[in-house]
Amino acid sequence: MICDYQYILKMPVETDTKGAEKYAVTTLETNFKNSEKSDEITVYGVDKESDYVKAGFIDRNSVYVSEGILEKFGLKVGDNLDLKTKYDDKTYRLTISGTYKYPASLAVFMDIENFRTEFDKSEDYFSGYFSNKEITDIDDKLIANKITQKDLTVISDQLTDSMGGMFPMVSAFAILLYMLLVYLLSKIIIEKNANSVSIVKILGYQNGEITRLYIISTAIVAIFSVIISLPISYLLMKIIYSELISSFSGWLSFYIEPMVYVKMLVFGTLAYAVVGALQFRKIKKIPMEEALKNAE
């Protein structure tokens, strides 16, 4: 969110609200030669020394794009971004100078003077105001739209309310499935080595020592597998997510909170600890006579 209140006006109107900053905006479409589908791009013209969009414009011709544009279209700094108007197909070619963190939409930011020149606007043209205070001295009839944080998060809030309760259930099911898989694998290992366990018991090894021999070694492999699976899972999910969302208009950046990885490792370790405790009980129940029976 650029500011607390973003106003789009029907016509340029002055305000006395302290901190309100003028900006210009227009909507264009992507114009890629090898793609029939186009995406809407919001182009902002802002003050070079803007208090709200701190892109760090190097000069008047600097053009910064939201990270979503680079991610979705596979572009990088220095590449050209070809845009066109929706109805008359007038084209524009903008050279990307850098990125600006703005996940709300696919957006381009440029100096407002450059905006006026590029789009043939008057020297004093502007479309609205950025402000952290509500503007009250402009007639509501002259305001085309007022955007607040609530307007931008309404869809995510609805998804959280309707589907948020499902995710703890999915997590619990995943942990149970992991425990079941590890339990079955460790159970097979112990059952196949029941004769060996019986022999080491005859040789005087205690249950704790036998556990370290079979359970701890398996635990190291299991935990190491979880650690290895984290980056692999991340890459696979990112590829699948990018392919899925690229077919839709707009863009949502793929992001997983770092704490999620910590939780996965902790839950994986705790889950195996439970499985290890169950297998320890199984080792204790293996009688020393087992080796003698098989010897016969």
C-alpha atoms as a PDB file:
ATOM      1  CA  MET A   1       0.000   0.000   0.000  1.00  0.00           C
ATOM      2  CA  ILE A   2       1.497   3.296  -1.133  1.00  0.00           C
ATOM      3  CA  CYS A   3      -0.440   5.376   1.401  1.00  0.00           C
ATOM      4  CA  ASP A   4      -3.412   5.190   3.743  1.00  0.00           C
ATOM      5  CA  TYR A   5      -5.703   7.002   1.292  1.00  0.00           C
ATOM      6  CA  GLN A   6      -5.280   7.018  -2.470  1.00  0.00           C
ATOM      7  CA  TYR A   7      -7.686   9.290  -4.346  1.00  0.00           C
ATOM      8  CA  ILE A   8      -8.501   9.159  -8.058  1.00  0.00           C
ATOM      9  CA  LEU A   9     -10.233  12.318  -9.235  1.00  0.00           C
ATOM     10  CA  LYS A  10     -12.673  12.907 -12.088  1.00  0.00           C
ATOM     11  CA  MET A  11     -10.927  16.192 -12.778  1.00  0.00           C
ATOM     12  CA  PRO A  12      -7.912  18.011 -11.266  1.00  0.00           C
ATOM     13  CA  VAL A  13      -8.914  19.726  -8.003  1.00  0.00           C
ATOM     14  CA  GLU A  14      -6.623  21.385  -5.454  1.00  0.00           C
ATOM     15  CA  THR A  15      -6.633  20.464  -1.774  1.00  0.00           C
ATOM     16  CA  ASP A  16      -5.229  22.056   1.360  1.00  0.00           C
ATOM     17  CA  THR A  17      -4.772  18.723   3.152  1.00  0.00           C
ATOM     18  CA  LYS A  18      -1.305  18.634   4.663  1.00  0.00           C
ATOM     19  CA  GLY A  19       0.905  15.910   3.220  1.00  0.00           C
ATOM     20  CA  ALA A  20      -1.314  15.232   0.192  1.00  0.00           C
ATOM     21  CA  GLU A  21       0.812  14.593  -2.893  1.00  0.00           C
ATOM     22  CA  LYS A  22      -0.275  14.789  -6.527  1.00  0.00           C
ATOM     23  CA  TYR A  23       0.236  11.896  -8.899  1.00  0.00           C
ATOM     24  CA  ALA A  24      -0.827  10.916 -12.400  1.00  0.00           C
ATOM     25  CA  VAL A  25      -2.017   7.497 -13.505  1.00  0.00           C
ATOM     26  CA  THR A  26      -3.097   5.667 -16.627  1.00  0.00           C
ATOM     27  CA  THR A  27      -3.773   2.053 -17.589  1.00  0.00           C
ATOM     28  CA  LEU A  28      -2.035   0.358 -20.507  1.00  0.00           C
ATOM     29  CA  GLU A  29      -1.740  -3.208 -21.759  1.00  0.00           C
ATOM     30  CA  THR A  30       1.285  -5.381 -22.412  1.00  0.00           C
ATOM     31  CA  ASN A  31       2.334  -5.683 -26.039  1.00  0.00           C
ATOM     32  CA  PHE A  32       4.464  -8.800 -26.476  1.00  0.00           C
ATOM     33  CA  LYS A  33       4.937 -10.087 -30.018  1.00  0.00           C
ATOM     34  CA  ASN A  34       4.835 -13.789 -29.087  1.00  0.00           C
ATOM     35  CA  SER A  35       1.768 -13.540 -26.852  1.00  0.00           C
ATOM     36  CA  GLU A  36      -1.874 -13.107 -27.842  1.00  0.00           C
ATOM     37  CA  LYS A  37      -2.967 -12.407 -24.271  1.00  0.00           C
ATOM     38  CA  SER A  38      -2.332  -9.009 -22.712  1.00  0.00           C
ATOM     39  CA  ASP A  39      -2.221  -7.886 -19.078  1.00  0.00           C
ATOM     40  CA  GLU A  40      -3.260  -4.525 -17.715  1.00  0.00           C
ATOM     41  CA  ILE A  41      -0.393  -2.429 -16.366  1.00  0.00           C
ATOM     42  CA  THR A  42      -0.982   0.591 -14.144  1.00  0.00           C
ATOM     43  CA  VAL A  43       1.444   3.403 -14.948  1.00  0.00           C
ATOM     44  CA  TYR A  44       2.034   5.993 -12.215  1.00  0.00           C
ATOM     45  CA  GLY A  45       3.641   9.379 -12.591  1.00  0.00           C
ATOM     46  CA  VAL A  46       4.929  10.537  -9.201  1.00  0.00           C
ATOM     47  CA  ASP A  47       7.097  13.308  -7.852  1.00  0.00           C
ATOM     48  CA  LYS A  48      10.789  12.522  -8.193  1.00  0.00           C
ATOM     49  CA  GLU A  49      11.245  13.269  -4.473  1.00  0.00           C
ATOM     50  CA  SER A  50       7.966  11.577  -3.505  1.00  0.00           C
ATOM     51  CA  ASP A  51       7.319  10.940   0.184  1.00  0.00           C
ATOM     52  CA  TYR A  52       5.159   7.945  -0.713  1.00  0.00           C
ATOM     53  CA  VAL A  53       6.857   6.213  -3.657  1.00  0.00           C
ATOM     54  CA  LYS A  54      10.513   6.135  -2.649  1.00  0.00           C
ATOM     55  CA  ALA A  55      11.788   4.447  -5.779  1.00  0.00           C
ATOM     56  CA  GLY A  56      15.040   6.420  -5.858  1.00  0.00           C
ATOM     57  CA  PHE A  57      14.717   7.889  -9.341  1.00  0.00           C
ATOM     58  CA  ILE A  58      18.194   8.443 -10.766  1.00  0.00           C
ATOM     59  CA  ASP A  59      17.039  10.953 -13.356  1.00  0.00           C
ATOM     60  CA  ARG A  60      13.942  12.279 -15.085  1.00  0.00           C
ATOM     61  CA  ASN A  61      13.738   9.298 -17.451  1.00  0.00           C
ATOM     62  CA  SER A  62      14.049   6.571 -14.820  1.00  0.00           C
ATOM     63  CA  VAL A  63      11.346   3.905 -14.984  1.00  0.00           C
ATOM     64  CA  TYR A  64      10.774   1.476 -12.113  1.00  0.00           C
ATOM     65  CA  VAL A  65       8.457  -1.529 -12.213  1.00  0.00           C
ATOM     66  CA  SER A  66       6.841  -3.660  -9.532  1.00  0.00           C
ATOM     67  CA  GLU A  67       8.569  -6.970  -8.870  1.00  0.00           C
ATOM     68  CA  GLY A  68       5.533  -8.824 -10.244  1.00  0.00           C
ATOM     69  CA  ILE A  69       6.262  -7.555 -13.762  1.00  0.00           C
ATOM     70  CA  LEU A  70       9.747  -9.038 -13.736  1.00  0.00           C
ATOM     71  CA  GLU A  71       8.519 -12.319 -12.266  1.00  0.00           C
ATOM     72  CA  LYS A  72       5.537 -12.797 -14.566  1.00  0.00           C
ATOM     73  CA  PHE A  73       7.100 -11.761 -17.863  1.00  0.00           C
ATOM     74  CA  GLY A  74      10.639 -12.975 -17.217  1.00  0.00           C
ATOM     75  CA  LEU A  75      12.168  -9.520 -17.597  1.00  0.00           C
ATOM     76  CA  LYS A  76      15.175  -7.981 -15.872  1.00  0.00           C
ATOM     77  CA  VAL A  77      16.591  -4.514 -15.251  1.00  0.00           C
ATOM     78  CA  GLY A  78      17.727  -3.006 -18.559  1.00  0.00           C
ATOM     79  CA  ASP A  79      15.090  -4.800 -20.655  1.00  0.00           C
ATOM     80  CA  ASN A  80      12.359  -3.001 -22.580  1.00  0.00           C
ATOM     81  CA  LEU A  81       8.713  -3.199 -21.542  1.00  0.00           C
ATOM     82  CA  ASP A  82       6.380  -2.762 -24.525  1.00  0.00           C
ATOM     83  CA  LEU A  83       2.954  -1.336 -23.706  1.00  0.00           C
ATOM     84  CA  LYS A  84      -0.032  -0.174 -25.727  1.00  0.00           C
ATOM     85  CA  THR A  85      -3.303   1.658 -25.230  1.00  0.00           C
ATOM     86  CA  LYS A  86      -6.399  -0.491 -25.082  1.00  0.00           C
ATOM     87  CA  TYR A  87      -8.424   0.956 -27.962  1.00  0.00           C
ATOM     88  CA  ASP A  88      -6.199   2.781 -30.451  1.00  0.00           C
ATOM     89  CA  ASP A  89      -3.149   0.487 -30.088  1.00  0.00           C
ATOM     90  CA  LYS A  90      -0.729   3.362 -29.611  1.00  0.00           C
ATOM     91  CA  THR A  91       2.511   1.785 -28.402  1.00  0.00           C
ATOM     92  CA  TYR A  92       5.092   2.782 -25.809  1.00  0.00           C
ATOM     93  CA  ARG A  93       8.507   1.287 -25.086  1.00  0.00           C
ATOM     94  CA  LEU A  94       9.868   1.798 -21.582  1.00  0.00           C
ATOM     95  CA  THR A  95      13.342   0.749 -20.462  1.00  0.00           C
ATOM     96  CA  ILE A  96      13.353  -0.749 -16.968  1.00  0.00           C
ATOM     97  CA  SER A  97      15.734   1.146 -14.655  1.00  0.00           C
ATOM     98  CA  GLY A  98      14.974  -0.804 -11.495  1.00  0.00           C
ATOM     99  CA  THR A  99      12.326  -2.457  -9.334  1.00  0.00           C
ATOM    100  CA  TYR A 100       9.982  -1.119  -6.695  1.00  0.00           C
ATOM    101  CA  LYS A 101       8.346  -3.357  -4.107  1.00  0.00           C
ATOM    102  CA  TYR A 102       4.642  -3.017  -4.793  1.00  0.00           C
ATOM    103  CA  PRO A 103       2.792  -6.371  -4.657  1.00  0.00           C
ATOM    104  CA  ALA A 104      -0.673  -4.801  -4.980  1.00  0.00           C
ATOM    105  CA  SER A 105      -0.637  -4.815  -8.805  1.00  0.00           C
ATOM    106  CA  LEU A 106       1.444  -4.873 -11.962  1.00  0.00           C
ATOM    107  CA  ALA A 107       2.645  -1.283 -11.944  1.00  0.00           C
ATOM    108  CA  VAL A 108       5.158   1.074 -13.513  1.00  0.00           C
ATOM    109  CA  PHE A 109       6.490   4.159 -11.725  1.00  0.00           C
ATOM    110  CA  MET A 110       8.072   7.153 -13.446  1.00  0.00           C
ATOM    111  CA  ASP A 111       8.735  10.802 -12.775  1.00  0.00           C
ATOM    112  CA  ILE A 112       5.505  12.794 -13.210  1.00  0.00           C
ATOM    113  CA  GLU A 113       7.187  15.209 -15.617  1.00  0.00           C
ATOM    114  CA  ASN A 114       8.293  12.292 -17.769  1.00  0.00           C
ATOM    115  CA  PHE A 115       4.735  10.915 -17.537  1.00  0.00           C
ATOM    116  CA  ARG A 116       3.251  14.165 -18.846  1.00  0.00           C
ATOM    117  CA  THR A 117       5.716  14.261 -21.729  1.00  0.00           C
ATOM    118  CA  GLU A 118       5.352  10.548 -22.599  1.00  0.00           C
ATOM    119  CA  PHE A 119       1.546  10.634 -22.632  1.00  0.00           C
ATOM    120  CA  ASP A 120       1.068  14.156 -24.068  1.00  0.00           C
ATOM    121  CA  LYS A 121      -0.439  15.711 -20.961  1.00  0.00           C
ATOM    122  CA  SER A 122      -0.378  19.341 -19.864  1.00  0.00           C
ATOM    123  CA  GLU A 123       2.396  20.632 -17.586  1.00  0.00           C
ATOM    124  CA  ASP A 124       0.098  20.751 -14.554  1.00  0.00           C
ATOM    125  CA  TYR A 125      -1.828  17.519 -15.228  1.00  0.00           C
ATOM    126  CA  PHE A 126      -2.494  15.098 -12.364  1.00  0.00           C
ATOM    127  CA  SER A 127      -5.042  12.352 -11.650  1.00  0.00           C
ATOM    128  CA  GLY A 128      -5.290  12.248  -7.884  1.00  0.00           C
ATOM    129  CA  TYR A 129      -3.612  12.402  -4.504  1.00  0.00           C
ATOM    130  CA  PHE A 130      -1.588  10.166  -2.206  1.00  0.00           C
ATOM    131  CA  SER A 131      -2.294  10.977   1.436  1.00  0.00           C
ATOM    132  CA  ASN A 132      -1.982   9.459   4.890  1.00  0.00           C
ATOM    133  CA  LYS A 133      -4.856  11.642   6.033  1.00  0.00           C
ATOM    134  CA  GLU A 134      -8.406  11.570   4.739  1.00  0.00           C
ATOM    135  CA  ILE A 135      -9.076  14.454   2.375  1.00  0.00           C
ATOM    136  CA  THR A 136     -12.249  16.304   3.352  1.00  0.00           C
ATOM    137  CA  ASP A 137     -12.086  19.521   1.320  1.00  0.00           C
ATOM    138  CA  ILE A 138     -12.884  17.931  -2.046  1.00  0.00           C
ATOM    139  CA  ASP A 139     -16.492  17.287  -3.053  1.00  0.00           C
ATOM    140  CA  ASP A 140     -17.309  13.557  -3.185  1.00  0.00           C
ATOM    141  CA  LYS A 141     -18.846  14.129  -6.622  1.00  0.00           C
ATOM    142  CA  LEU A 142     -15.390  14.980  -7.967  1.00  0.00           C
ATOM    143  CA  ILE A 143     -13.800  11.817  -6.536  1.00  0.00           C
ATOM    144  CA  ALA A 144     -13.877   8.839  -8.913  1.00  0.00           C
ATOM    145  CA  ASN A 145     -12.457   6.389  -6.377  1.00  0.00           C
ATOM    146  CA  LYS A 146     -10.947   6.287  -2.904  1.00  0.00           C
ATOM    147  CA  ILE A 147      -8.634   3.328  -2.219  1.00  0.00           C
ATOM    148  CA  THR A 148      -7.750   2.229   1.303  1.00  0.00           C
ATOM    149  CA  GLN A 149      -5.951  -0.819   2.695  1.00  0.00           C
ATOM    150  CA  LYS A 150      -9.307  -2.458   3.414  1.00  0.00           C
ATOM    151  CA  ASP A 151     -10.220  -2.262  -0.281  1.00  0.00           C
ATOM    152  CA  LEU A 152      -7.003  -4.058  -1.262  1.00  0.00           C
ATOM    153  CA  THR A 153      -7.277  -6.825   1.351  1.00  0.00           C
ATOM    154  CA  VAL A 154     -11.014  -7.543   1.087  1.00  0.00           C
ATOM    155  CA  ILE A 155     -10.498 -10.610  -1.169  1.00  0.00           C
ATOM    156  CA  SER A 156      -7.725 -12.089   0.979  1.00  0.00           C
ATOM    157  CA  ASP A 157      -9.832 -11.467   4.089  1.00  0.00           C
ATOM    158  CA  GLN A 158     -12.751 -13.334   2.500  1.00  0.00           C
ATOM    159  CA  LEU A 159     -10.490 -16.254   1.558  1.00  0.00           C
ATOM    160  CA  THR A 160      -9.067 -16.358   5.088  1.00  0.00           C
ATOM    161  CA  ASP A 161     -12.565 -16.386   6.591  1.00  0.00           C
ATOM    162  CA  SER A 162     -13.911 -19.053   4.238  1.00  0.00           C
ATOM    163  CA  MET A 163     -10.868 -21.346   3.863  1.00  0.00           C
ATOM    164  CA  GLY A 164      -8.542 -20.435   6.736  1.00  0.00           C
ATOM    165  CA  GLY A 165      -9.947 -23.187   8.961  1.00  0.00           C
ATOM    166  CA  MET A 166      -8.957 -25.862   6.444  1.00  0.00           C
ATOM    167  CA  PHE A 167      -5.208 -25.282   6.660  1.00  0.00           C
ATOM    168  CA  PRO A 168      -4.713 -26.569  10.245  1.00  0.00           C
ATOM    169  CA  MET A 169      -6.604 -29.718   9.184  1.00  0.00           C
ATOM    170  CA  VAL A 170      -4.363 -30.148   6.125  1.00  0.00           C
ATOM    171  CA  SER A 171      -1.265 -29.643   8.298  1.00  0.00           C
ATOM    172  CA  ALA A 172      -2.473 -32.205  10.856  1.00  0.00           C
ATOM    173  CA  PHE A 173      -3.238 -34.717   8.090  1.00  0.00           C
ATOM    174  CA  ALA A 174       0.224 -34.180   6.552  1.00  0.00           C
ATOM    175  CA  ILE A 175       1.932 -34.786   9.915  1.00  0.00           C
ATOM    176  CA  LEU A 176      -0.110 -37.957  10.505  1.00  0.00           C
ATOM    177  CA  LEU A 177       0.722 -39.185   7.006  1.00  0.00           C
ATOM    178  CA  TYR A 178       4.421 -38.502   7.618  1.00  0.00           C
ATOM    179  CA  MET A 179       4.287 -40.362  10.957  1.00  0.00           C
ATOM    180  CA  LEU A 180       2.538 -43.322   9.341  1.00  0.00           C
ATOM    181  CA  LEU A 181       5.101 -43.526   6.550  1.00  0.00           C
ATOM    182  CA  VAL A 182       8.080 -43.306   8.919  1.00  0.00           C
ATOM    183  CA  TYR A 183       6.458 -45.785  11.320  1.00  0.00           C
ATOM    184  CA  LEU A 184       5.964 -48.376   8.585  1.00  0.00           C
ATOM    185  CA  LEU A 185       9.521 -47.955   7.302  1.00  0.00           C
ATOM    186  CA  SER A 186      11.085 -48.239  10.765  1.00  0.00           C
ATOM    187  CA  LYS A 187       8.780 -51.171  11.595  1.00  0.00           C
ATOM    188  CA  ILE A 188      10.039 -53.045   8.510  1.00  0.00           C
ATOM    189  CA  ILE A 189      13.652 -52.353   9.510  1.00  0.00           C
ATOM    190  CA  ILE A 190      13.172 -53.664  13.050  1.00  0.00           C
ATOM    191  CA  GLU A 191      11.164 -56.719  11.961  1.00  0.00           C
ATOM    192  CA  LYS A 192      13.825 -57.665   9.401  1.00  0.00           C
ATOM    193  CA  ASN A 193      16.509 -57.265  12.061  1.00  0.00           C
ATOM    194  CA  ALA A 194      14.605 -58.977  14.883  1.00  0.00           C
ATOM    195  CA  ASN A 195      17.068 -61.880  14.863  1.00  0.00           C
ATOM    196  CA  SER A 196      20.026 -59.454  15.110  1.00  0.00           C
ATOM    197  CA  VAL A 197      18.349 -57.558  17.963  1.00  0.00           C
ATOM    198  CA  SER A 198      17.842 -60.824  19.816  1.00  0.00           C
ATOM    199  CA  ILE A 199      21.503 -61.775  19.347  1.00  0.00           C
ATOM    200  CA  VAL A 200      22.837 -58.462  20.689  1.00  0.00           C
ATOM    201  CA  LYS A 201      20.530 -58.884  23.695  1.00  0.00           C
ATOM    202  CA  ILE A 202      22.127 -62.272  24.317  1.00  0.00           C
ATOM    203  CA  LEU A 203      25.537 -60.585  24.086  1.00  0.00           C
ATOM    204  CA  GLY A 204      24.520 -58.280  26.931  1.00  0.00           C
ATOM    205  CA  TYR A 205      23.480 -55.072  25.128  1.00  0.00           C
ATOM    206  CA  GLN A 206      20.844 -53.004  26.892  1.00  0.00           C
ATOM    207  CA  ASN A 207      17.642 -51.801  25.215  1.00  0.00           C
ATOM    208  CA  GLY A 208      18.937 -48.219  25.172  1.00  0.00           C
ATOM    209  CA  GLU A 209      22.102 -49.263  23.337  1.00  0.00           C
ATOM    210  CA  ILE A 210      20.104 -51.272  20.808  1.00  0.00           C
ATOM    211  CA  THR A 211      17.825 -48.294  20.298  1.00  0.00           C
ATOM    212  CA  ARG A 212      20.789 -46.058  19.476  1.00  0.00           C
ATOM    213  CA  LEU A 213      21.960 -48.683  17.033  1.00  0.00           C
ATOM    214  CA  TYR A 214      18.707 -48.929  15.061  1.00  0.00           C
ATOM    215  CA  ILE A 215      16.399 -45.991  15.920  1.00  0.00           C
ATOM    216  CA  ILE A 216      18.913 -43.141  16.188  1.00  0.00           C
ATOM    217  CA  SER A 217      20.580 -43.983  12.877  1.00  0.00           C
ATOM    218  CA  THR A 218      17.165 -44.078  11.200  1.00  0.00           C
ATOM    219  CA  ALA A 219      16.268 -40.773  12.870  1.00  0.00           C
ATOM    220  CA  ILE A 220      19.356 -39.078  11.412  1.00  0.00           C
ATOM    221  CA  VAL A 221      18.371 -40.226   7.921  1.00  0.00           C
ATOM    222  CA  ALA A 222      14.740 -39.124   8.418  1.00  0.00           C
ATOM    223  CA  ILE A 223      15.651 -35.637   9.686  1.00  0.00           C
ATOM    224  CA  PHE A 224      18.283 -35.210   6.976  1.00  0.00           C
ATOM    225  CA  SER A 225      15.624 -36.172   4.404  1.00  0.00           C
ATOM    226  CA  VAL A 226      13.293 -33.478   5.758  1.00  0.00           C
ATOM    227  CA  ILE A 227      16.054 -30.861   5.502  1.00  0.00           C
ATOM    228  CA  ILE A 228      16.870 -31.888   1.920  1.00  0.00           C
ATOM    229  CA  SER A 229      13.181 -31.910   0.942  1.00  0.00           C
ATOM    230  CA  LEU A 230      12.610 -28.276   2.001  1.00  0.00           C
ATOM    231  CA  PRO A 231      14.488 -26.546  -0.870  1.00  0.00           C
ATOM    232  CA  ILE A 232      13.315 -29.188  -3.353  1.00  0.00           C
ATOM    233  CA  SER A 233       9.679 -28.682  -2.310  1.00  0.00           C
ATOM    234  CA  TYR A 234      10.110 -24.909  -2.511  1.00  0.00           C
ATOM    235  CA  LEU A 235      11.442 -25.058  -6.080  1.00  0.00           C
ATOM    236  CA  LEU A 236       8.737 -27.474  -7.240  1.00  0.00           C
ATOM    237  CA  MET A 237       5.926 -25.417  -5.675  1.00  0.00           C
ATOM    238  CA  LYS A 238       7.329 -22.204  -7.151  1.00  0.00           C
ATOM    239  CA  ILE A 239       7.443 -23.710 -10.645  1.00  0.00           C
ATOM    240  CA  ILE A 240       3.911 -25.122 -10.392  1.00  0.00           C
ATOM    241  CA  TYR A 241       2.566 -21.897  -8.857  1.00  0.00           C
ATOM    242  CA  SER A 242       4.155 -19.733 -11.559  1.00  0.00           C
ATOM    243  CA  GLU A 243       2.696 -21.895 -14.325  1.00  0.00           C
ATOM    244  CA  LEU A 244      -0.772 -21.792 -12.781  1.00  0.00           C
ATOM    245  CA  ILE A 245      -0.972 -18.087 -11.986  1.00  0.00           C
ATOM    246  CA  SER A 246       0.609 -16.926 -15.251  1.00  0.00           C
ATOM    247  CA  SER A 247      -2.619 -17.843 -17.032  1.00  0.00           C
ATOM    248  CA  PHE A 248      -4.569 -15.306 -14.944  1.00  0.00           C
ATOM    249  CA  SER A 249      -4.582 -11.532 -15.146  1.00  0.00           C
ATOM    250  CA  GLY A 250      -2.444  -9.770 -12.562  1.00  0.00           C
ATOM    251  CA  TRP A 251       0.144 -11.409 -10.352  1.00  0.00           C
ATOM    252  CA  LEU A 252       0.612 -12.613  -6.798  1.00  0.00           C
ATOM    253  CA  SER A 253       4.220 -13.164  -5.821  1.00  0.00           C
ATOM    254  CA  PHE A 254       5.116 -16.591  -4.463  1.00  0.00           C
ATOM    255  CA  TYR A 255       6.181 -16.249  -0.843  1.00  0.00           C
ATOM    256  CA  ILE A 256       6.585 -18.670   2.043  1.00  0.00           C
ATOM    257  CA  GLU A 257       7.286 -17.251   5.494  1.00  0.00           C
ATOM    258  CA  PRO A 258      10.713 -18.465   6.743  1.00  0.00           C
ATOM    259  CA  MET A 259       9.143 -19.586  10.020  1.00  0.00           C
ATOM    260  CA  VAL A 260       7.192 -22.209   8.043  1.00  0.00           C
ATOM    261  CA  TYR A 261      10.447 -24.064   7.324  1.00  0.00           C
ATOM    262  CA  VAL A 262      11.377 -23.998  10.997  1.00  0.00           C
ATOM    263  CA  LYS A 263       7.956 -25.399  11.911  1.00  0.00           C
ATOM    264  CA  MET A 264       8.277 -28.153   9.300  1.00  0.00           C
ATOM    265  CA  LEU A 265      11.634 -29.218  10.720  1.00  0.00           C
ATOM    266  CA  VAL A 266      10.416 -29.073  14.330  1.00  0.00           C
ATOM    267  CA  PHE A 267       7.184 -30.975  13.624  1.00  0.00           C
ATOM    268  CA  GLY A 268       9.111 -33.540  11.562  1.00  0.00           C
ATOM    269  CA  THR A 269      11.549 -34.106  14.423  1.00  0.00           C
ATOM    270  CA  LEU A 270       8.796 -34.346  17.046  1.00  0.00           C
ATOM    271  CA  ALA A 271       6.789 -36.705  14.845  1.00  0.00           C
ATOM    272  CA  TYR A 272       9.762 -39.031  14.513  1.00  0.00           C
ATOM    273  CA  ALA A 273      10.357 -38.834  18.270  1.00  0.00           C
ATOM    274  CA  VAL A 274       6.855 -40.259  18.786  1.00  0.00           C
ATOM    275  CA  VAL A 275       7.512 -42.980  16.211  1.00  0.00           C
ATOM    276  CA  GLY A 276      10.876 -43.714  17.830  1.00  0.00           C
ATOM    277  CA  ALA A 277       9.203 -44.160  21.218  1.00  0.00           C
ATOM    278  CA  LEU A 278       6.768 -46.672  19.723  1.00  0.00           C
ATOM    279  CA  GLN A 279       9.591 -48.599  18.061  1.00  0.00           C
ATOM    280  CA  PHE A 280      11.580 -48.582  21.321  1.00  0.00           C
ATOM    281  CA  ARG A 281       8.695 -50.445  22.936  1.00  0.00           C
ATOM    282  CA  LYS A 282       8.770 -52.915  20.060  1.00  0.00           C
ATOM    283  CA  ILE A 283      12.519 -53.521  20.540  1.00  0.00           C
ATOM    284  CA  LYS A 284      11.990 -54.173  24.266  1.00  0.00           C
ATOM    285  CA  LYS A 285       9.418 -56.863  23.429  1.00  0.00           C
ATOM    286  CA  ILE A 286      11.779 -58.811  21.152  1.00  0.00           C
ATOM    287  CA  PRO A 287      12.812 -61.872  23.256  1.00  0.00           C
ATOM    288  CA  MET A 288      16.307 -63.318  23.366  1.00  0.00           C
ATOM    289  CA  GLU A 289      14.795 -66.663  22.379  1.00  0.00           C
ATOM    290  CA  GLU A 290      14.124 -65.244  18.900  1.00  0.00           C
ATOM    291  CA  ALA A 291      17.707 -65.889  17.791  1.00  0.00           C
ATOM    292  CA  LEU A 292      17.630 -69.455  19.221  1.00  0.00           C
ATOM    293  CA  LYS A 293      14.394 -70.273  17.362  1.00  0.00           C
ATOM    294  CA  ASN A 294      15.839 -69.135  14.050  1.00  0.00           C
ATOM    295  CA  ALA A 295      19.069 -71.041  14.779  1.00  0.00           C
ATOM    296  CA  GLU A 296      17.056 -74.271  15.055  1.00  0.00           C
END
